[in-house]
């Protein structure tokens, strides 16, 4: 990863300079998909599954899940099967009207590197088009 930072100085000869920071970023977990976008018609029930697999180098457990926006999107955390290491989040939502739902799921972990992991979830319900 490479980032450029604009640095302001009090040096009259060089008021600003670009500082380039480069480094390797290691993934603490494989999250699939990293964000969830559901689309459907009013009255439908939409579902998705997110998997969270800790990397071998940064093993952690998920201690809990909270929804930041308290939307009507249902999120259920499922522990790994015996001998497994992949956590699942089962998502489900429905709406009888056309509306957009959004939430941010926050996984609380015992990892010192990532004590909180965020996953964005949105669901768009459209009016059912009438055909004559």
Protein backbone atom coordinates (compact mmCIF):
# COMPACT_ATOMS: atom_id res chain seq x y z
CA UNK A 1 0.00 0.00 0.00
CA UNK A 2 1.21 3.51 -0.78
CA UNK A 3 -0.21 6.74 0.64
CA UNK A 4 0.82 10.33 -0.05
CA UNK A 5 0.55 12.85 2.78
CA UNK A 6 0.69 16.62 2.28
CA UNK A 7 2.94 18.10 4.97
CA UNK A 8 2.80 21.84 5.72
CA UNK A 9 5.95 23.39 7.15
CA UNK A 10 7.10 26.78 8.45
CA UNK A 11 10.11 26.68 6.09
CA UNK A 12 9.81 29.78 3.82
CA UNK A 13 11.65 27.89 1.06
CA UNK A 14 9.29 24.92 1.06
CA UNK A 15 5.86 25.55 2.60
CA UNK A 16 4.54 22.12 1.62
CA UNK A 17 5.99 18.78 0.68
CA UNK A 18 4.58 15.40 -0.25
CA UNK A 19 5.55 12.60 2.08
CA UNK A 20 5.11 9.13 0.55
CA UNK A 21 4.54 6.25 2.97
CA UNK A 22 4.77 2.71 1.63
CA UNK A 23 4.24 -0.55 3.46
CA UNK A 24 2.88 -4.05 3.26
CA UNK A 25 -0.61 -4.57 4.65
CA UNK A 26 -1.52 -8.04 5.83
CA UNK A 27 -5.10 -9.21 5.81
CA UNK A 28 -6.29 -10.26 9.27
CA UNK A 29 -9.31 -12.12 7.87
CA UNK A 30 -11.00 -13.10 4.63
CA UNK A 31 -14.47 -11.53 4.58
CA UNK A 32 -16.72 -12.63 1.73
CA UNK A 33 -18.42 -10.57 0.52
CA UNK A 34 -16.83 -7.52 2.20
CA UNK A 35 -20.11 -5.56 1.76
CA UNK A 36 -23.64 -6.79 1.02
CA UNK A 37 -26.01 -5.16 -1.47
CA UNK A 38 -29.47 -6.75 -1.70
CA UNK A 39 -32.13 -5.73 -4.23
CA UNK A 40 -35.71 -6.87 -4.56
CA UNK A 41 -39.35 -5.93 -4.82
CA UNK A 42 -41.57 -4.84 -1.97
CA UNK A 43 -43.03 -7.93 -0.30
CA UNK A 44 -40.03 -10.13 -1.06
CA UNK A 45 -37.70 -11.63 1.51
CA UNK A 46 -34.00 -11.11 0.74
CA UNK A 47 -31.21 -13.25 2.17
CA UNK A 48 -27.41 -13.40 2.08
CA UNK A 49 -24.54 -15.05 3.93
CA UNK A 50 -21.25 -13.41 4.87
CA UNK A 51 -18.28 -15.59 5.84
CA UNK A 52 -15.44 -14.43 8.07
CA UNK A 53 -12.31 -16.60 8.12
CA UNK A 54 -9.41 -15.44 10.31
CA UNK A 55 -5.96 -15.71 8.70
CA UNK A 56 -3.58 -18.35 10.03
CA UNK A 57 -1.20 -15.66 11.32
CA UNK A 58 -3.83 -13.60 13.17
CA UNK A 59 -6.25 -16.16 14.62
CA UNK A 60 -9.13 -14.64 16.60
CA UNK A 61 -12.62 -15.42 17.88
CA UNK A 62 -15.74 -13.36 17.32
CA UNK A 63 -17.18 -12.33 20.68
CA UNK A 64 -20.38 -10.77 19.40
CA UNK A 65 -22.20 -8.86 16.70
CA UNK A 66 -24.06 -5.57 16.92
CA UNK A 67 -25.97 -3.52 14.39
CA UNK A 68 -24.99 0.11 14.41
CA UNK A 69 -28.23 1.53 12.90
CA UNK A 70 -30.75 -0.88 14.48
CA UNK A 71 -32.42 -1.40 11.10
CA UNK A 72 -34.90 -4.19 10.38
CA UNK A 73 -32.14 -6.19 8.66
CA UNK A 74 -31.80 -9.40 10.67
CA UNK A 75 -28.23 -10.61 11.29
CA UNK A 76 -27.47 -13.90 13.02
CA UNK A 77 -23.91 -14.86 13.93
CA UNK A 78 -23.15 -18.58 13.50
CA UNK A 79 -20.05 -20.08 15.14
CA UNK A 80 -17.68 -22.28 13.15
CA UNK A 81 -18.48 -25.97 13.01
CA UNK A 82 -16.35 -28.22 15.22
CA UNK A 83 -12.79 -28.10 13.90
CA UNK A 84 -13.61 -25.21 11.56
CA UNK A 85 -12.54 -21.59 11.71
CA UNK A 86 -15.06 -19.83 9.46
CA UNK A 87 -17.78 -17.74 11.10
CA UNK A 88 -21.04 -17.07 9.23
CA UNK A 89 -23.45 -14.17 9.39
CA UNK A 90 -26.90 -15.06 8.05
CA UNK A 91 -28.70 -11.95 6.79
CA UNK A 92 -32.40 -11.66 6.12
CA UNK A 93 -34.73 -8.72 5.53
CA UNK A 94 -38.11 -7.96 4.04
CA UNK A 95 -40.31 -4.95 3.51
CA UNK A 96 -43.92 -4.54 2.41
CA UNK A 97 -43.15 -1.13 0.91
CA UNK A 98 -40.58 0.43 -1.38
CA UNK A 99 -37.71 1.60 0.80
CA UNK A 100 -33.96 1.52 1.30
CA UNK A 101 -32.50 -0.16 4.38
CA UNK A 102 -28.93 0.28 5.54
CA UNK A 103 -26.92 -0.98 8.46
CA UNK A 104 -23.36 -1.51 9.56
CA UNK A 105 -22.60 -4.79 11.28
CA UNK A 106 -19.82 -4.60 13.85
CA UNK A 107 -18.10 -7.82 14.85
CA UNK A 108 -16.43 -7.63 18.25
CA UNK A 109 -13.32 -9.83 18.36
CA UNK A 110 -10.62 -10.82 20.82
CA UNK A 111 -7.94 -9.69 18.35
CA UNK A 112 -5.60 -6.91 19.50
CA UNK A 113 -5.11 -6.00 15.80
CA UNK A 114 -8.79 -5.73 14.87
CA UNK A 115 -11.01 -5.59 17.97
CA UNK A 116 -13.89 -4.41 15.74
CA UNK A 117 -14.60 -5.41 12.14
CA UNK A 118 -17.28 -3.53 10.17
CA UNK A 119 -19.40 -4.93 7.35
CA UNK A 120 -21.85 -2.72 5.45
CA UNK A 121 -25.25 -4.08 4.47
CA UNK A 122 -27.89 -2.40 2.32
CA UNK A 123 -31.22 -3.59 0.94
CA UNK A 124 -33.24 -1.79 -1.69
CA UNK A 125 -36.91 -2.67 -2.10
CA UNK A 126 -38.62 -1.33 -5.22
CA UNK A 127 -42.32 -1.03 -6.01
CA UNK A 128 -43.53 -3.94 -8.07
CA UNK A 129 -44.12 -2.63 -11.57
CA UNK A 130 -47.64 -3.13 -12.80
CA UNK A 131 -48.11 -4.38 -16.35
CA UNK A 132 -51.38 -4.09 -18.27
